[in-house]
């Protein structure tokens, strides 16, 4: 590790991107400028994208790994339920916004939020999880034992 890195001083890097990637980044940058009512440089957008990616891809904490272990099958019938509705309430988010952010139909959002769909797809889970800003898995899911 260099002295700059240990002193928490930004390190300058150079990257090469395909023109199609630059175009996509410029479109995102334009959208963010409108959404946030302020100008962002393309460099700021790239830095934010990298930081957000690193936050999402961080390794799971030991507590999260332990909790996920409790969801594993032990032979008794169970269902994996979600707490998305509670997380939305904490964030002040309405189902209409979640539907818009995820592209999931109103009826399917309702089924997922009310735990009526016992076989939620990974696709739906990830769309909702990202729309809710990636809360810890242990906050999102829990195991409910079913009667045999």
C-alpha atoms as a PDB file:
ATOM      1  CA  UNK A   1       0.000   0.000   0.000  1.00  0.00           C
ATOM      2  CA  UNK A   2       1.381   3.417  -0.901  1.00  0.00           C
ATOM      3  CA  UNK A   3       1.827   6.277   1.546  1.00  0.00           C
ATOM      4  CA  UNK A   4      -1.014   8.142  -0.210  1.00  0.00           C
ATOM      5  CA  UNK A   5      -3.421   5.245   0.378  1.00  0.00           C
ATOM      6  CA  UNK A   6      -2.553   4.914   4.087  1.00  0.00           C
ATOM      7  CA  UNK A   7      -3.069   8.658   4.629  1.00  0.00           C
ATOM      8  CA  UNK A   8      -6.559   8.478   3.100  1.00  0.00           C
ATOM      9  CA  UNK A   9      -5.548  10.828   0.277  1.00  0.00           C
ATOM     10  CA  UNK A  10      -7.344  10.262  -3.026  1.00  0.00           C
ATOM     11  CA  UNK A  11      -5.268   8.406  -5.610  1.00  0.00           C
ATOM     12  CA  UNK A  12      -5.624   9.459  -9.222  1.00  0.00           C
ATOM     13  CA  UNK A  13      -6.277   6.664 -11.735  1.00  0.00           C
ATOM     14  CA  UNK A  14      -6.840   6.572 -15.452  1.00  0.00           C
ATOM     15  CA  UNK A  15      -9.415   4.300 -17.118  1.00  0.00           C
ATOM     16  CA  UNK A  16     -10.329   3.584 -20.698  1.00  0.00           C
ATOM     17  CA  UNK A  17     -14.000   3.159 -21.545  1.00  0.00           C
ATOM     18  CA  UNK A  18     -15.789   2.174 -24.713  1.00  0.00           C
ATOM     19  CA  UNK A  19     -17.679   5.011 -26.449  1.00  0.00           C
ATOM     20  CA  UNK A  20     -20.954   3.147 -25.786  1.00  0.00           C
ATOM     21  CA  UNK A  21     -20.158   3.108 -22.049  1.00  0.00           C
ATOM     22  CA  UNK A  22     -19.393   6.832 -22.093  1.00  0.00           C
ATOM     23  CA  UNK A  23     -22.728   7.456 -23.832  1.00  0.00           C
ATOM     24  CA  UNK A  24     -24.593   5.437 -21.172  1.00  0.00           C
ATOM     25  CA  UNK A  25     -22.761   7.276 -18.384  1.00  0.00           C
ATOM     26  CA  UNK A  26     -23.637  10.634 -19.963  1.00  0.00           C
ATOM     27  CA  UNK A  27     -27.311   9.619 -20.104  1.00  0.00           C
ATOM     28  CA  UNK A  28     -27.228   8.592 -16.433  1.00  0.00           C
ATOM     29  CA  UNK A  29     -25.406  11.821 -15.576  1.00  0.00           C
ATOM     30  CA  UNK A  30     -28.080  13.852 -17.357  1.00  0.00           C
ATOM     31  CA  UNK A  31     -30.867  11.956 -15.549  1.00  0.00           C
ATOM     32  CA  UNK A  32     -29.177  12.480 -12.152  1.00  0.00           C
ATOM     33  CA  UNK A  33     -28.716  16.189 -12.850  1.00  0.00           C
ATOM     34  CA  UNK A  34     -32.453  16.530 -13.537  1.00  0.00           C
ATOM     35  CA  UNK A  35     -33.450  14.319 -10.596  1.00  0.00           C
ATOM     36  CA  UNK A  36     -31.140  16.070  -8.116  1.00  0.00           C
ATOM     37  CA  UNK A  37     -31.681  19.535  -9.602  1.00  0.00           C
ATOM     38  CA  UNK A  38     -27.984  20.164  -9.898  1.00  0.00           C
ATOM     39  CA  UNK A  39     -25.092  19.641 -12.224  1.00  0.00           C
ATOM     40  CA  UNK A  40     -22.794  16.676 -11.788  1.00  0.00           C
ATOM     41  CA  UNK A  41     -19.605  16.122 -13.683  1.00  0.00           C
ATOM     42  CA  UNK A  42     -19.205  12.841 -15.498  1.00  0.00           C
ATOM     43  CA  UNK A  43     -16.297  12.122 -13.146  1.00  0.00           C
ATOM     44  CA  UNK A  44     -18.600  12.574 -10.119  1.00  0.00           C
ATOM     45  CA  UNK A  45     -21.125  10.176 -11.630  1.00  0.00           C
ATOM     46  CA  UNK A  46     -18.428   7.552 -12.225  1.00  0.00           C
ATOM     47  CA  UNK A  47     -17.051   7.976  -8.678  1.00  0.00           C
ATOM     48  CA  UNK A  48     -20.551   7.635  -7.207  1.00  0.00           C
ATOM     49  CA  UNK A  49     -21.253   4.548  -9.336  1.00  0.00           C
ATOM     50  CA  UNK A  50     -18.051   2.886  -8.137  1.00  0.00           C
ATOM     51  CA  UNK A  51     -18.754   3.802  -4.491  1.00  0.00           C
ATOM     52  CA  UNK A  52     -22.334   2.482  -4.719  1.00  0.00           C
ATOM     53  CA  UNK A  53     -21.134  -0.733  -6.355  1.00  0.00           C
ATOM     54  CA  UNK A  54     -18.559  -1.251  -3.616  1.00  0.00           C
ATOM     55  CA  UNK A  55     -21.210  -0.663  -0.931  1.00  0.00           C
ATOM     56  CA  UNK A  56     -23.524  -3.235  -2.501  1.00  0.00           C
ATOM     57  CA  UNK A  57     -20.773  -5.782  -3.088  1.00  0.00           C
ATOM     58  CA  UNK A  58     -19.254  -5.530   0.382  1.00  0.00           C
ATOM     59  CA  UNK A  59     -18.751  -8.884   2.063  1.00  0.00           C
ATOM     60  CA  UNK A  60     -21.524 -10.029   4.361  1.00  0.00           C
ATOM     61  CA  UNK A  61     -20.994  -9.375   8.046  1.00  0.00           C
ATOM     62  CA  UNK A  62     -20.696 -12.372  10.360  1.00  0.00           C
ATOM     63  CA  UNK A  63     -24.162 -11.625  11.834  1.00  0.00           C
ATOM     64  CA  UNK A  64     -25.675 -11.673   8.337  1.00  0.00           C
ATOM     65  CA  UNK A  65     -23.992 -14.992   7.508  1.00  0.00           C
ATOM     66  CA  UNK A  66     -25.189 -16.451  10.825  1.00  0.00           C
ATOM     67  CA  UNK A  67     -28.722 -15.222  10.187  1.00  0.00           C
ATOM     68  CA  UNK A  68     -28.799 -16.657   6.668  1.00  0.00           C
ATOM     69  CA  UNK A  69     -27.711 -19.964   8.228  1.00  0.00           C
ATOM     70  CA  UNK A  70     -30.925 -19.969  10.288  1.00  0.00           C
ATOM     71  CA  UNK A  71     -32.924 -19.939   7.062  1.00  0.00           C
ATOM     72  CA  UNK A  72     -31.417 -23.253   5.926  1.00  0.00           C
ATOM     73  CA  UNK A  73     -33.634 -26.332   5.817  1.00  0.00           C
ATOM     74  CA  UNK A  74     -33.619 -28.458   8.946  1.00  0.00           C
ATOM     75  CA  UNK A  75     -36.196 -30.972   7.740  1.00  0.00           C
ATOM     76  CA  UNK A  76     -39.328 -29.207   8.978  1.00  0.00           C
ATOM     77  CA  UNK A  77     -41.684 -27.476   6.540  1.00  0.00           C
ATOM     78  CA  UNK A  78     -41.114 -23.732   6.314  1.00  0.00           C
ATOM     79  CA  UNK A  79     -41.581 -20.668   4.151  1.00  0.00           C
ATOM     80  CA  UNK A  80     -39.227 -17.750   3.606  1.00  0.00           C
ATOM     81  CA  UNK A  81     -41.162 -14.546   4.212  1.00  0.00           C
ATOM     82  CA  UNK A  82     -40.145 -10.944   3.639  1.00  0.00           C
ATOM     83  CA  UNK A  83     -40.332  -7.741   5.620  1.00  0.00           C
ATOM     84  CA  UNK A  84     -40.328  -5.445   2.601  1.00  0.00           C
ATOM     85  CA  UNK A  85     -43.556  -3.745   3.687  1.00  0.00           C
ATOM     86  CA  UNK A  86     -42.067  -2.835   7.084  1.00  0.00           C
ATOM     87  CA  UNK A  87     -38.879  -1.539   5.455  1.00  0.00           C
ATOM     88  CA  UNK A  88     -40.957   0.563   3.061  1.00  0.00           C
ATOM     89  CA  UNK A  89     -42.947   1.999   5.984  1.00  0.00           C
ATOM     90  CA  UNK A  90     -39.708   2.949   7.767  1.00  0.00           C
ATOM     91  CA  UNK A  91     -38.508   4.707   4.618  1.00  0.00           C
ATOM     92  CA  UNK A  92     -41.884   6.353   3.973  1.00  0.00           C
ATOM     93  CA  UNK A  93     -42.108   4.610   0.593  1.00  0.00           C
ATOM     94  CA  UNK A  94     -45.436   3.768  -1.029  1.00  0.00           C
ATOM     95  CA  UNK A  95     -46.171   0.659  -3.093  1.00  0.00           C
ATOM     96  CA  UNK A  96     -46.776   2.842  -6.157  1.00  0.00           C
ATOM     97  CA  UNK A  97     -43.184   4.129  -6.002  1.00  0.00           C
ATOM     98  CA  UNK A  98     -41.854   0.602  -5.508  1.00  0.00           C
ATOM     99  CA  UNK A  99     -43.864  -0.534  -8.530  1.00  0.00           C
ATOM    100  CA  UNK A 100     -42.451   2.342 -10.605  1.00  0.00           C
ATOM    101  CA  UNK A 101     -38.871   1.743  -9.419  1.00  0.00           C
ATOM    102  CA  UNK A 102     -38.964  -2.022 -10.022  1.00  0.00           C
ATOM    103  CA  UNK A 103     -41.248  -2.381 -13.045  1.00  0.00           C
ATOM    104  CA  UNK A 104     -43.162  -5.108 -11.196  1.00  0.00           C
ATOM    105  CA  UNK A 105     -46.924  -5.062 -11.745  1.00  0.00           C
ATOM    106  CA  UNK A 106     -49.246  -3.711  -9.040  1.00  0.00           C
ATOM    107  CA  UNK A 107     -50.798  -7.130  -8.388  1.00  0.00           C
ATOM    108  CA  UNK A 108     -47.427  -8.871  -8.090  1.00  0.00           C
ATOM    109  CA  UNK A 109     -46.072  -6.131  -5.789  1.00  0.00           C
ATOM    110  CA  UNK A 110     -49.147  -6.605  -3.599  1.00  0.00           C
ATOM    111  CA  UNK A 111     -48.622 -10.377  -3.459  1.00  0.00           C
ATOM    112  CA  UNK A 112     -44.947  -9.990  -2.541  1.00  0.00           C
ATOM    113  CA  UNK A 113     -45.532  -7.280   0.095  1.00  0.00           C
ATOM    114  CA  UNK A 114     -48.305  -9.319   1.716  1.00  0.00           C
ATOM    115  CA  UNK A 115     -46.295 -12.568   1.568  1.00  0.00           C
ATOM    116  CA  UNK A 116     -48.952 -14.222  -0.591  1.00  0.00           C
ATOM    117  CA  UNK A 117     -46.380 -15.432  -3.111  1.00  0.00           C
ATOM    118  CA  UNK A 118     -44.464 -18.250  -1.414  1.00  0.00           C
ATOM    119  CA  UNK A 119     -42.113 -18.619  -4.383  1.00  0.00           C
ATOM    120  CA  UNK A 120     -40.873 -15.075  -4.988  1.00  0.00           C
ATOM    121  CA  UNK A 121     -38.359 -15.133  -7.804  1.00  0.00           C
ATOM    122  CA  UNK A 122     -34.786 -14.026  -7.298  1.00  0.00           C
ATOM    123  CA  UNK A 123     -35.428 -11.414  -9.996  1.00  0.00           C
ATOM    124  CA  UNK A 124     -38.290  -9.842  -7.985  1.00  0.00           C
ATOM    125  CA  UNK A 125     -36.309 -10.052  -4.755  1.00  0.00           C
ATOM    126  CA  UNK A 126     -33.301  -8.278  -6.280  1.00  0.00           C
ATOM    127  CA  UNK A 127     -35.389  -5.579  -7.961  1.00  0.00           C
ATOM    128  CA  UNK A 128     -37.165  -4.782  -4.698  1.00  0.00           C
ATOM    129  CA  UNK A 129     -33.976  -5.084  -2.636  1.00  0.00           C
ATOM    130  CA  UNK A 130     -32.162  -2.592  -4.888  1.00  0.00           C
ATOM    131  CA  UNK A 131     -35.176  -0.228  -4.894  1.00  0.00           C
ATOM    132  CA  UNK A 132     -35.064  -0.293  -1.069  1.00  0.00           C
ATOM    133  CA  UNK A 133     -31.340   0.592  -1.194  1.00  0.00           C
ATOM    134  CA  UNK A 134     -30.048  -2.881  -0.286  1.00  0.00           C
ATOM    135  CA  UNK A 135     -30.987  -3.262   3.385  1.00  0.00           C
ATOM    136  CA  UNK A 136     -29.296  -6.139   5.268  1.00  0.00           C
ATOM    137  CA  UNK A 137     -30.652  -9.522   4.180  1.00  0.00           C
ATOM    138  CA  UNK A 138     -31.541 -10.341   7.780  1.00  0.00           C
ATOM    139  CA  UNK A 139     -33.841  -7.316   7.838  1.00  0.00           C
ATOM    140  CA  UNK A 140     -35.535  -8.438   4.613  1.00  0.00           C
ATOM    141  CA  UNK A 141     -36.155 -12.150   5.106  1.00  0.00           C
ATOM    142  CA  UNK A 142     -37.253 -14.464   7.873  1.00  0.00           C
ATOM    143  CA  UNK A 143     -38.203 -18.095   8.180  1.00  0.00           C
ATOM    144  CA  UNK A 144     -41.728 -19.095   9.148  1.00  0.00           C
ATOM    145  CA  UNK A 145     -42.243 -22.687  10.196  1.00  0.00           C
ATOM    146  CA  UNK A 146     -45.308 -24.290   8.656  1.00  0.00           C
ATOM    147  CA  UNK A 147     -47.494 -26.885  10.212  1.00  0.00           C
ATOM    148  CA  UNK A 148     -46.544 -30.378   8.960  1.00  0.00           C
END
